[in-house]
ModelCIF file with pLDDT and N, C-alpha, C, O atoms, coordinates in Angstrom:
data_MODEL
#
_entry.id   MODEL 
#
_entity.id                         1 
_entity.type                       polymer 
_entity.pdbx_number_of_molecules   1 
#
_entity_poly.entity_id                      1 
_entity_poly.type                           'polypeptide(L)' 
_entity_poly.nstd_linkage                   no 
_entity_poly.nstd_monomer                   no 
_entity_poly.pdbx_seq_one_letter_code       QSDIPCDCIGLEPGWMEKHYDLSIRKNWHPEKFYIPYWIREKVRHHR 
_entity_poly.pdbx_seq_one_letter_code_can   QSDIPCDCIGLEPGWMEKHYDLSIRKNWHPEKFYIPYWIREKVRHHR 
_entity_poly.pdbx_strand_id                 A 
#
loop_
_entity_poly_seq.entity_id 
_entity_poly_seq.num 
_entity_poly_seq.mon_id 
_entity_poly_seq.hetero 
1 1  GLN n 
1 2  SER n 
1 3  ASP n 
1 4  ILE n 
1 5  PRO n 
1 6  CYS n 
1 7  ASP n 
1 8  CYS n 
1 9  ILE n 
1 10 GLY n 
1 11 LEU n 
1 12 GLU n 
1 13 PRO n 
1 14 GLY n 
1 15 TRP n 
1 16 MET n 
1 17 GLU n 
1 18 LYS n 
1 19 HIS n 
1 20 TYR n 
1 21 ASP n 
1 22 LEU n 
1 23 SER n 
1 24 ILE n 
1 25 ARG n 
1 26 LYS n 
1 27 ASN n 
1 28 TRP n 
1 29 HIS n 
1 30 PRO n 
1 31 GLU n 
1 32 LYS n 
1 33 PHE n 
1 34 TYR n 
1 35 ILE n 
1 36 PRO n 
1 37 TYR n 
1 38 TRP n 
1 39 ILE n 
1 40 ARG n 
1 41 GLU n 
1 42 LYS n 
1 43 VAL n 
1 44 ARG n 
1 45 HIS n 
1 46 HIS n 
1 47 ARG n 
#
_struct_asym.id          A 
_struct_asym.entity_id   1 
#
loop_
_ma_qa_metric.id 
_ma_qa_metric.mode 
_ma_qa_metric.name 
_ma_qa_metric.software_group_id 
_ma_qa_metric.type 
1 global pLDDT . pLDDT 
2 local  pLDDT . pLDDT 
#
_ma_qa_metric_global.metric_id      1 
_ma_qa_metric_global.metric_value   88.19 
_ma_qa_metric_global.model_id       1 
_ma_qa_metric_global.ordinal_id     1 
#
loop_
_ma_qa_metric_local.label_asym_id 
_ma_qa_metric_local.label_comp_id 
_ma_qa_metric_local.label_seq_id 
_ma_qa_metric_local.metric_id 
_ma_qa_metric_local.metric_value 
_ma_qa_metric_local.model_id 
_ma_qa_metric_local.ordinal_id 
A GLN 1  2 96.00 1 1  
A SER 2  2 97.00 1 2  
A ASP 3  2 96.00 1 3  
A ILE 4  2 96.00 1 4  
A PRO 5  2 94.00 1 5  
A CYS 6  2 96.00 1 6  
A ASP 7  2 96.00 1 7  
A CYS 8  2 96.00 1 8  
A ILE 9  2 97.00 1 9  
A GLY 10 2 96.00 1 10 
A LEU 11 2 96.00 1 11 
A GLU 12 2 94.00 1 12 
A PRO 13 2 93.00 1 13 
A GLY 14 2 92.00 1 14 
A TRP 15 2 95.00 1 15 
A MET 16 2 95.00 1 16 
A GLU 17 2 94.00 1 17 
A LYS 18 2 93.00 1 18 
A HIS 19 2 87.00 1 19 
A TYR 20 2 88.00 1 20 
A ASP 21 2 92.00 1 21 
A LEU 22 2 89.00 1 22 
A SER 23 2 93.00 1 23 
A ILE 24 2 91.00 1 24 
A ARG 25 2 91.00 1 25 
A LYS 26 2 92.00 1 26 
A ASN 27 2 92.00 1 27 
A TRP 28 2 92.00 1 28 
A HIS 29 2 95.00 1 29 
A PRO 30 2 93.00 1 30 
A GLU 31 2 94.00 1 31 
A LYS 32 2 95.00 1 32 
A PHE 33 2 94.00 1 33 
A TYR 34 2 91.00 1 34 
A ILE 35 2 87.00 1 35 
A PRO 36 2 84.00 1 36 
A TYR 37 2 80.00 1 37 
A TRP 38 2 80.00 1 38 
A ILE 39 2 77.00 1 39 
A ARG 40 2 69.00 1 40 
A GLU 41 2 70.00 1 41 
A LYS 42 2 69.00 1 42 
A VAL 43 2 62.00 1 43 
A ARG 44 2 63.00 1 44 
A HIS 45 2 64.00 1 45 
A HIS 46 2 77.00 1 46 
A ARG 47 2 82.00 1 47 
#
loop_
_atom_site.group_PDB 
_atom_site.id 
_atom_site.type_symbol 
_atom_site.label_atom_id 
_atom_site.label_alt_id 
_atom_site.label_comp_id 
_atom_site.label_asym_id 
_atom_site.label_entity_id 
_atom_site.label_seq_id 
_atom_site.pdbx_PDB_ins_code 
_atom_site.Cartn_x 
_atom_site.Cartn_y 
_atom_site.Cartn_z 
_atom_site.occupancy 
_atom_site.B_iso_or_equiv 
_atom_site.pdbx_formal_charge 
_atom_site.auth_seq_id 
_atom_site.auth_comp_id 
_atom_site.auth_asym_id 
_atom_site.auth_atom_id 
_atom_site.pdbx_PDB_model_num 
ATOM 1   N N  . GLN A 1 1  ? 85.655  105.529 81.500 1.00 96.00 ? 1  GLN A N  1 
ATOM 2   C CA . GLN A 1 1  ? 84.372  104.869 81.714 1.00 96.00 ? 1  GLN A CA 1 
ATOM 3   C C  . GLN A 1 1  ? 83.868  105.088 83.134 1.00 96.00 ? 1  GLN A C  1 
ATOM 4   O O  . GLN A 1 1  ? 82.664  105.196 83.363 1.00 96.00 ? 1  GLN A O  1 
ATOM 5   N N  . SER A 1 2  ? 84.811  105.153 84.100 1.00 97.00 ? 2  SER A N  1 
ATOM 6   C CA . SER A 1 2  ? 84.453  105.343 85.510 1.00 97.00 ? 2  SER A CA 1 
ATOM 7   C C  . SER A 1 2  ? 84.407  106.807 85.901 1.00 97.00 ? 2  SER A C  1 
ATOM 8   O O  . SER A 1 2  ? 84.162  107.145 87.060 1.00 97.00 ? 2  SER A O  1 
ATOM 9   N N  . ASP A 1 3  ? 84.648  107.684 84.916 1.00 96.00 ? 3  ASP A N  1 
ATOM 10  C CA . ASP A 1 3  ? 84.602  109.129 85.161 1.00 96.00 ? 3  ASP A CA 1 
ATOM 11  C C  . ASP A 1 3  ? 85.600  109.552 86.240 1.00 96.00 ? 3  ASP A C  1 
ATOM 12  O O  . ASP A 1 3  ? 85.311  110.417 87.067 1.00 96.00 ? 3  ASP A O  1 
ATOM 13  N N  . ILE A 1 4  ? 86.791  108.918 86.216 1.00 96.00 ? 4  ILE A N  1 
ATOM 14  C CA . ILE A 1 4  ? 87.886  109.289 87.130 1.00 96.00 ? 4  ILE A CA 1 
ATOM 15  C C  . ILE A 1 4  ? 88.849  110.190 86.358 1.00 96.00 ? 4  ILE A C  1 
ATOM 16  O O  . ILE A 1 4  ? 89.415  109.750 85.357 1.00 96.00 ? 4  ILE A O  1 
ATOM 17  N N  . PRO A 1 5  ? 89.051  111.428 86.786 1.00 94.00 ? 5  PRO A N  1 
ATOM 18  C CA . PRO A 1 5  ? 89.948  112.322 86.043 1.00 94.00 ? 5  PRO A CA 1 
ATOM 19  C C  . PRO A 1 5  ? 91.389  111.822 86.097 1.00 94.00 ? 5  PRO A C  1 
ATOM 20  O O  . PRO A 1 5  ? 91.894  111.495 87.171 1.00 94.00 ? 5  PRO A O  1 
ATOM 21  N N  . CYS A 1 6  ? 92.037  111.764 84.968 1.00 96.00 ? 6  CYS A N  1 
ATOM 22  C CA . CYS A 1 6  ? 93.438  111.344 84.875 1.00 96.00 ? 6  CYS A CA 1 
ATOM 23  C C  . CYS A 1 6  ? 94.031  111.987 83.621 1.00 96.00 ? 6  CYS A C  1 
ATOM 24  O O  . CYS A 1 6  ? 93.438  111.911 82.545 1.00 96.00 ? 6  CYS A O  1 
ATOM 25  N N  . ASP A 1 7  ? 95.190  112.615 83.757 1.00 96.00 ? 7  ASP A N  1 
ATOM 26  C CA . ASP A 1 7  ? 95.778  113.362 82.641 1.00 96.00 ? 7  ASP A CA 1 
ATOM 27  C C  . ASP A 1 7  ? 96.938  112.640 81.970 1.00 96.00 ? 7  ASP A C  1 
ATOM 28  O O  . ASP A 1 7  ? 97.232  112.871 80.797 1.00 96.00 ? 7  ASP A O  1 
ATOM 29  N N  . CYS A 1 8  ? 97.591  111.770 82.722 1.00 96.00 ? 8  CYS A N  1 
ATOM 30  C CA . CYS A 1 8  ? 98.821  111.171 82.189 1.00 96.00 ? 8  CYS A CA 1 
ATOM 31  C C  . CYS A 1 8  ? 98.866  109.708 82.587 1.00 96.00 ? 8  CYS A C  1 
ATOM 32  O O  . CYS A 1 8  ? 98.486  109.353 83.703 1.00 96.00 ? 8  CYS A O  1 
ATOM 33  N N  . ILE A 1 9  ? 99.324  108.862 81.686 1.00 97.00 ? 9  ILE A N  1 
ATOM 34  C CA . ILE A 1 9  ? 99.477  107.440 81.984 1.00 97.00 ? 9  ILE A CA 1 
ATOM 35  C C  . ILE A 1 9  ? 100.929 107.065 81.708 1.00 97.00 ? 9  ILE A C  1 
ATOM 36  O O  . ILE A 1 9  ? 101.500 107.464 80.692 1.00 97.00 ? 9  ILE A O  1 
ATOM 37  N N  . GLY A 1 10 ? 101.520 106.298 82.619 1.00 96.00 ? 10 GLY A N  1 
ATOM 38  C CA . GLY A 1 10 ? 102.947 106.005 82.527 1.00 96.00 ? 10 GLY A CA 1 
ATOM 39  C C  . GLY A 1 10 ? 103.233 104.526 82.393 1.00 96.00 ? 10 GLY A C  1 
ATOM 40  O O  . GLY A 1 10 ? 102.436 103.680 82.799 1.00 96.00 ? 10 GLY A O  1 
ATOM 41  N N  . LEU A 1 11 ? 104.402 104.226 81.810 1.00 96.00 ? 11 LEU A N  1 
ATOM 42  C CA . LEU A 1 11 ? 104.833 102.846 81.621 1.00 96.00 ? 11 LEU A CA 1 
ATOM 43  C C  . LEU A 1 11 ? 106.146 102.594 82.361 1.00 96.00 ? 11 LEU A C  1 
ATOM 44  O O  . LEU A 1 11 ? 107.060 103.418 82.328 1.00 96.00 ? 11 LEU A O  1 
ATOM 45  N N  . GLU A 1 12 ? 106.222 101.459 83.018 1.00 94.00 ? 12 GLU A N  1 
ATOM 46  C CA . GLU A 1 12 ? 107.466 101.016 83.651 1.00 94.00 ? 12 GLU A CA 1 
ATOM 47  C C  . GLU A 1 12 ? 108.418 100.465 82.574 1.00 94.00 ? 12 GLU A C  1 
ATOM 48  O O  . GLU A 1 12 ? 108.041 100.398 81.404 1.00 94.00 ? 12 GLU A O  1 
ATOM 49  N N  . PRO A 1 13 ? 109.650 100.069 82.956 1.00 93.00 ? 13 PRO A N  1 
ATOM 50  C CA . PRO A 1 13 ? 110.638 99.685  81.933 1.00 93.00 ? 13 PRO A CA 1 
ATOM 51  C C  . PRO A 1 13 ? 110.282 98.472  81.084 1.00 93.00 ? 13 PRO A C  1 
ATOM 52  O O  . PRO A 1 13 ? 111.036 98.124  80.175 1.00 93.00 ? 13 PRO A O  1 
ATOM 53  N N  . GLY A 1 14 ? 109.140 97.811  81.356 1.00 92.00 ? 14 GLY A N  1 
ATOM 54  C CA . GLY A 1 14 ? 108.724 96.701  80.516 1.00 92.00 ? 14 GLY A CA 1 
ATOM 55  C C  . GLY A 1 14 ? 108.394 97.099  79.085 1.00 92.00 ? 14 GLY A C  1 
ATOM 56  O O  . GLY A 1 14 ? 108.263 96.235  78.217 1.00 92.00 ? 14 GLY A O  1 
ATOM 57  N N  . TRP A 1 15 ? 108.256 98.410  78.827 1.00 95.00 ? 15 TRP A N  1 
ATOM 58  C CA . TRP A 1 15 ? 107.976 98.854  77.450 1.00 95.00 ? 15 TRP A CA 1 
ATOM 59  C C  . TRP A 1 15 ? 109.194 98.695  76.546 1.00 95.00 ? 15 TRP A C  1 
ATOM 60  O O  . TRP A 1 15 ? 109.058 98.716  75.323 1.00 95.00 ? 15 TRP A O  1 
ATOM 61  N N  . MET A 1 16 ? 110.393 98.534  77.136 1.00 95.00 ? 16 MET A N  1 
ATOM 62  C CA . MET A 1 16 ? 111.622 98.486  76.339 1.00 95.00 ? 16 MET A CA 1 
ATOM 63  C C  . MET A 1 16 ? 111.880 97.091  75.774 1.00 95.00 ? 16 MET A C  1 
ATOM 64  O O  . MET A 1 16 ? 111.509 96.082  76.372 1.00 95.00 ? 16 MET A O  1 
ATOM 65  N N  . GLU A 1 17 ? 112.512 97.059  74.632 1.00 94.00 ? 17 GLU A N  1 
ATOM 66  C CA . GLU A 1 17 ? 112.939 95.787  74.044 1.00 94.00 ? 17 GLU A CA 1 
ATOM 67  C C  . GLU A 1 17 ? 113.896 95.077  74.987 1.00 94.00 ? 17 GLU A C  1 
ATOM 68  O O  . GLU A 1 17 ? 113.786 93.868  75.191 1.00 94.00 ? 17 GLU A O  1 
ATOM 69  N N  . LYS A 1 18 ? 114.846 95.829  75.571 1.00 93.00 ? 18 LYS A N  1 
ATOM 70  C CA . LYS A 1 18 ? 115.765 95.296  76.571 1.00 93.00 ? 18 LYS A CA 1 
ATOM 71  C C  . LYS A 1 18 ? 115.363 95.900  77.914 1.00 93.00 ? 18 LYS A C  1 
ATOM 72  O O  . LYS A 1 18 ? 115.351 97.121  78.072 1.00 93.00 ? 18 LYS A O  1 
ATOM 73  N N  . HIS A 1 19 ? 115.037 95.045  78.876 1.00 87.00 ? 19 HIS A N  1 
ATOM 74  C CA . HIS A 1 19 ? 114.551 95.531  80.151 1.00 87.00 ? 19 HIS A CA 1 
ATOM 75  C C  . HIS A 1 19 ? 115.587 96.439  80.814 1.00 87.00 ? 19 HIS A C  1 
ATOM 76  O O  . HIS A 1 19 ? 116.759 96.075  80.908 1.00 87.00 ? 19 HIS A O  1 
ATOM 77  N N  . TYR A 1 20 ? 115.160 97.617  81.273 1.00 88.00 ? 20 TYR A N  1 
ATOM 78  C CA . TYR A 1 20 ? 116.061 98.618  81.855 1.00 88.00 ? 20 TYR A CA 1 
ATOM 79  C C  . TYR A 1 20 ? 117.241 98.912  80.933 1.00 88.00 ? 20 TYR A C  1 
ATOM 80  O O  . TYR A 1 20 ? 118.395 98.895  81.362 1.00 88.00 ? 20 TYR A O  1 
ATOM 81  N N  . ASP A 1 21 ? 116.949 99.175  79.695 1.00 92.00 ? 21 ASP A N  1 
ATOM 82  C CA . ASP A 1 21 ? 117.986 99.532  78.725 1.00 92.00 ? 21 ASP A CA 1 
ATOM 83  C C  . ASP A 1 21 ? 118.587 100.887 79.126 1.00 92.00 ? 21 ASP A C  1 
ATOM 84  O O  . ASP A 1 21 ? 117.882 101.896 79.143 1.00 92.00 ? 21 ASP A O  1 
ATOM 85  N N  . LEU A 1 22 ? 119.883 100.910 79.447 1.00 89.00 ? 22 LEU A N  1 
ATOM 86  C CA . LEU A 1 22 ? 120.531 102.144 79.883 1.00 89.00 ? 22 LEU A CA 1 
ATOM 87  C C  . LEU A 1 22 ? 121.218 102.887 78.741 1.00 89.00 ? 22 LEU A C  1 
ATOM 88  O O  . LEU A 1 22 ? 121.873 103.904 78.966 1.00 89.00 ? 22 LEU A O  1 
ATOM 89  N N  . SER A 1 23 ? 121.071 102.386 77.526 1.00 93.00 ? 23 SER A N  1 
ATOM 90  C CA . SER A 1 23 ? 121.695 103.058 76.384 1.00 93.00 ? 23 SER A CA 1 
ATOM 91  C C  . SER A 1 23 ? 120.830 104.242 75.953 1.00 93.00 ? 23 SER A C  1 
ATOM 92  O O  . SER A 1 23 ? 119.749 104.461 76.499 1.00 93.00 ? 23 SER A O  1 
ATOM 93  N N  . ILE A 1 24 ? 121.312 105.000 74.971 1.00 91.00 ? 24 ILE A N  1 
ATOM 94  C CA . ILE A 1 24 ? 120.532 106.127 74.449 1.00 91.00 ? 24 ILE A CA 1 
ATOM 95  C C  . ILE A 1 24 ? 119.725 105.721 73.222 1.00 91.00 ? 24 ILE A C  1 
ATOM 96  O O  . ILE A 1 24 ? 119.073 106.568 72.611 1.00 91.00 ? 24 ILE A O  1 
ATOM 97  N N  . ARG A 1 25 ? 119.753 104.450 72.849 1.00 91.00 ? 25 ARG A N  1 
ATOM 98  C CA . ARG A 1 25 ? 119.011 103.956 71.680 1.00 91.00 ? 25 ARG A CA 1 
ATOM 99  C C  . ARG A 1 25 ? 118.039 102.866 72.116 1.00 91.00 ? 25 ARG A C  1 
ATOM 100 O O  . ARG A 1 25 ? 118.267 101.681 71.872 1.00 91.00 ? 25 ARG A O  1 
ATOM 101 N N  . LYS A 1 26 ? 116.981 103.268 72.747 1.00 92.00 ? 26 LYS A N  1 
ATOM 102 C CA . LYS A 1 26 ? 115.997 102.315 73.255 1.00 92.00 ? 26 LYS A CA 1 
ATOM 103 C C  . LYS A 1 26 ? 114.954 102.009 72.176 1.00 92.00 ? 26 LYS A C  1 
ATOM 104 O O  . LYS A 1 26 ? 114.595 102.877 71.381 1.00 92.00 ? 26 LYS A O  1 
ATOM 105 N N  . ASN A 1 27 ? 114.478 100.773 72.162 1.00 92.00 ? 27 ASN A N  1 
ATOM 106 C CA . ASN A 1 27 ? 113.435 100.360 71.222 1.00 92.00 ? 27 ASN A CA 1 
ATOM 107 C C  . ASN A 1 27 ? 112.222 99.854  71.992 1.00 92.00 ? 27 ASN A C  1 
ATOM 108 O O  . ASN A 1 27 ? 112.333 99.354  73.112 1.00 92.00 ? 27 ASN A O  1 
ATOM 109 N N  . TRP A 1 28 ? 111.059 99.998  71.357 1.00 92.00 ? 28 TRP A N  1 
ATOM 110 C CA . TRP A 1 28 ? 109.843 99.441  71.935 1.00 92.00 ? 28 TRP A CA 1 
ATOM 111 C C  . TRP A 1 28 ? 109.904 97.917  71.900 1.00 92.00 ? 28 TRP A C  1 
ATOM 112 O O  . TRP A 1 28 ? 110.464 97.333  70.972 1.00 92.00 ? 28 TRP A O  1 
ATOM 113 N N  . HIS A 1 29 ? 109.324 97.276  72.920 1.00 95.00 ? 29 HIS A N  1 
ATOM 114 C CA . HIS A 1 29 ? 109.262 95.814  72.956 1.00 95.00 ? 29 HIS A CA 1 
ATOM 115 C C  . HIS A 1 29 ? 108.478 95.333  71.722 1.00 95.00 ? 29 HIS A C  1 
ATOM 116 O O  . HIS A 1 29 ? 107.341 95.760  71.519 1.00 95.00 ? 29 HIS A O  1 
ATOM 117 N N  . PRO A 1 30 ? 109.060 94.462  70.906 1.00 93.00 ? 30 PRO A N  1 
ATOM 118 C CA . PRO A 1 30 ? 108.437 94.124  69.610 1.00 93.00 ? 30 PRO A CA 1 
ATOM 119 C C  . PRO A 1 30 ? 107.108 93.382  69.729 1.00 93.00 ? 30 PRO A C  1 
ATOM 120 O O  . PRO A 1 30 ? 106.301 93.436  68.801 1.00 93.00 ? 30 PRO A O  1 
ATOM 121 N N  . GLU A 1 31 ? 106.855 92.688  70.847 1.00 94.00 ? 31 GLU A N  1 
ATOM 122 C CA . GLU A 1 31 ? 105.583 91.991  71.001 1.00 94.00 ? 31 GLU A CA 1 
ATOM 123 C C  . GLU A 1 31 ? 104.604 92.796  71.863 1.00 94.00 ? 31 GLU A C  1 
ATOM 124 O O  . GLU A 1 31 ? 103.443 92.966  71.489 1.00 94.00 ? 31 GLU A O  1 
ATOM 125 N N  . LYS A 1 32 ? 105.063 93.283  72.996 1.00 95.00 ? 32 LYS A N  1 
ATOM 126 C CA . LYS A 1 32 ? 104.162 93.963  73.932 1.00 95.00 ? 32 LYS A CA 1 
ATOM 127 C C  . LYS A 1 32 ? 103.692 95.320  73.401 1.00 95.00 ? 32 LYS A C  1 
ATOM 128 O O  . LYS A 1 32 ? 102.562 95.734  73.659 1.00 95.00 ? 32 LYS A O  1 
ATOM 129 N N  . PHE A 1 33 ? 104.562 96.009  72.661 1.00 94.00 ? 33 PHE A N  1 
ATOM 130 C CA . PHE A 1 33 ? 104.224 97.321  72.098 1.00 94.00 ? 33 PHE A CA 1 
ATOM 131 C C  . PHE A 1 33 ? 104.602 97.339  70.619 1.00 94.00 ? 33 PHE A C  1 
ATOM 132 O O  . PHE A 1 33 ? 105.524 98.031  70.189 1.00 94.00 ? 33 PHE A O  1 
ATOM 133 N N  . TYR A 1 34 ? 103.850 96.553  69.873 1.00 91.00 ? 34 TYR A N  1 
ATOM 134 C CA . TYR A 1 34 ? 104.149 96.353  68.452 1.00 91.00 ? 34 TYR A CA 1 
ATOM 135 C C  . TYR A 1 34 ? 103.833 97.606  67.642 1.00 91.00 ? 34 TYR A C  1 
ATOM 136 O O  . TYR A 1 34 ? 102.745 98.173  67.739 1.00 91.00 ? 34 TYR A O  1 
ATOM 137 N N  . ILE A 1 35 ? 104.814 98.024  66.840 1.00 87.00 ? 35 ILE A N  1 
ATOM 138 C CA . ILE A 1 35 ? 104.618 99.126  65.895 1.00 87.00 ? 35 ILE A CA 1 
ATOM 139 C C  . ILE A 1 35 ? 105.032 98.593  64.524 1.00 87.00 ? 35 ILE A C  1 
ATOM 140 O O  . ILE A 1 35 ? 106.200 98.244  64.352 1.00 87.00 ? 35 ILE A O  1 
ATOM 141 N N  . PRO A 1 36 ? 104.135 98.514  63.541 1.00 84.00 ? 36 PRO A N  1 
ATOM 142 C CA . PRO A 1 36 ? 104.478 97.962  62.231 1.00 84.00 ? 36 PRO A CA 1 
ATOM 143 C C  . PRO A 1 36 ? 105.670 98.687  61.610 1.00 84.00 ? 36 PRO A C  1 
ATOM 144 O O  . PRO A 1 36 ? 105.853 99.889  61.803 1.00 84.00 ? 36 PRO A O  1 
ATOM 145 N N  . TYR A 1 37 ? 106.473 97.936  60.863 1.00 80.00 ? 37 TYR A N  1 
ATOM 146 C CA . TYR A 1 37 ? 107.700 98.507  60.283 1.00 80.00 ? 37 TYR A CA 1 
ATOM 147 C C  . TYR A 1 37 ? 107.388 99.678  59.363 1.00 80.00 ? 37 TYR A C  1 
ATOM 148 O O  . TYR A 1 37 ? 108.181 100.614 59.265 1.00 80.00 ? 37 TYR A O  1 
ATOM 149 N N  . TRP A 1 38 ? 106.243 99.640  58.689 1.00 80.00 ? 38 TRP A N  1 
ATOM 150 C CA . TRP A 1 38 ? 105.938 100.665 57.699 1.00 80.00 ? 38 TRP A CA 1 
ATOM 151 C C  . TRP A 1 38 ? 105.475 101.985 58.332 1.00 80.00 ? 38 TRP A C  1 
ATOM 152 O O  . TRP A 1 38 ? 105.264 102.984 57.644 1.00 80.00 ? 38 TRP A O  1 
ATOM 153 N N  . ILE A 1 39 ? 105.323 101.959 59.672 1.00 77.00 ? 39 ILE A N  1 
ATOM 154 C CA . ILE A 1 39 ? 104.803 103.158 60.333 1.00 77.00 ? 39 ILE A CA 1 
ATOM 155 C C  . ILE A 1 39 ? 105.849 103.813 61.236 1.00 77.00 ? 39 ILE A C  1 
ATOM 156 O O  . ILE A 1 39 ? 105.658 104.938 61.699 1.00 77.00 ? 39 ILE A O  1 
ATOM 157 N N  . ARG A 1 40 ? 106.961 103.102 61.485 1.00 69.00 ? 40 ARG A N  1 
ATOM 158 C CA . ARG A 1 40 ? 107.899 103.534 62.528 1.00 69.00 ? 40 ARG A CA 1 
ATOM 159 C C  . ARG A 1 40 ? 108.507 104.900 62.264 1.00 69.00 ? 40 ARG A C  1 
ATOM 160 O O  . ARG A 1 40 ? 108.703 105.666 63.208 1.00 69.00 ? 40 ARG A O  1 
ATOM 161 N N  . GLU A 1 41 ? 108.808 105.229 61.033 1.00 70.00 ? 41 GLU A N  1 
ATOM 162 C CA . GLU A 1 41 ? 109.465 106.500 60.719 1.00 70.00 ? 41 GLU A CA 1 
ATOM 163 C C  . GLU A 1 41 ? 108.489 107.561 60.228 1.00 70.00 ? 41 GLU A C  1 
ATOM 164 O O  . GLU A 1 41 ? 108.914 108.640 59.814 1.00 70.00 ? 41 GLU A O  1 
ATOM 165 N N  . LYS A 1 42 ? 107.201 107.279 60.266 1.00 69.00 ? 42 LYS A N  1 
ATOM 166 C CA . LYS A 1 42 ? 106.211 108.210 59.727 1.00 69.00 ? 42 LYS A CA 1 
ATOM 167 C C  . LYS A 1 42 ? 105.336 108.733 60.859 1.00 69.00 ? 42 LYS A C  1 
ATOM 168 O O  . LYS A 1 42 ? 104.348 108.110 61.247 1.00 69.00 ? 42 LYS A O  1 
ATOM 169 N N  . VAL A 1 43 ? 105.727 109.894 61.378 1.00 62.00 ? 43 VAL A N  1 
ATOM 170 C CA . VAL A 1 43 ? 105.051 110.448 62.548 1.00 62.00 ? 43 VAL A CA 1 
ATOM 171 C C  . VAL A 1 43 ? 103.562 110.645 62.285 1.00 62.00 ? 43 VAL A C  1 
ATOM 172 O O  . VAL A 1 43 ? 102.739 110.450 63.179 1.00 62.00 ? 43 VAL A O  1 
ATOM 173 N N  . ARG A 1 44 ? 103.219 111.031 61.059 1.00 63.00 ? 44 ARG A N  1 
ATOM 174 C CA . ARG A 1 44 ? 101.806 111.312 60.777 1.00 63.00 ? 44 ARG A CA 1 
ATOM 175 C C  . ARG A 1 44 ? 100.929 110.072 60.906 1.00 63.00 ? 44 ARG A C  1 
ATOM 176 O O  . ARG A 1 44 ? 99.713  110.191 61.060 1.00 63.00 ? 44 ARG A O  1 
ATOM 177 N N  . HIS A 1 45 ? 101.528 108.879 60.846 1.00 64.00 ? 45 HIS A N  1 
ATOM 178 C CA . HIS A 1 45 ? 100.762 107.643 60.959 1.00 64.00 ? 45 HIS A CA 1 
ATOM 179 C C  . HIS A 1 45 ? 100.659 107.144 62.401 1.00 64.00 ? 45 HIS A C  1 
ATOM 180 O O  . HIS A 1 45 ? 100.006 106.130 62.648 1.00 64.00 ? 45 HIS A O  1 
ATOM 181 N N  . HIS A 1 46 ? 101.285 107.829 63.353 1.00 77.00 ? 46 HIS A N  1 
ATOM 182 C CA . HIS A 1 46 ? 101.248 107.354 64.738 1.00 77.00 ? 46 HIS A CA 1 
ATOM 183 C C  . HIS A 1 46 ? 99.836  107.357 65.302 1.00 77.00 ? 46 HIS A C  1 
ATOM 184 O O  . HIS A 1 46 ? 99.566  106.701 66.308 1.00 77.00 ? 46 HIS A O  1 
ATOM 185 N N  . ARG A 1 47 ? 98.925  108.097 64.655 1.00 82.00 ? 47 ARG A N  1 
ATOM 186 C CA . ARG A 1 47 ? 97.536  108.084 65.115 1.00 82.00 ? 47 ARG A CA 1 
ATOM 187 C C  . ARG A 1 47 ? 96.910  106.706 64.925 1.00 82.00 ? 47 ARG A C  1 
ATOM 188 O O  . ARG A 1 47 ? 95.742  106.507 65.258 1.00 82.00 ? 47 ARG A O  1 
#
């Protein structure tokens, strides 16, 4: 809207279900970054 060029947007560790999850099986925070259960395994629906 402000016509400021930007190519990439990043998220700090608050996106994780467990803050600073150091495991290899990280999940999205269920409230802050909600993804419906019926869409999680269907890449074509990520749009």
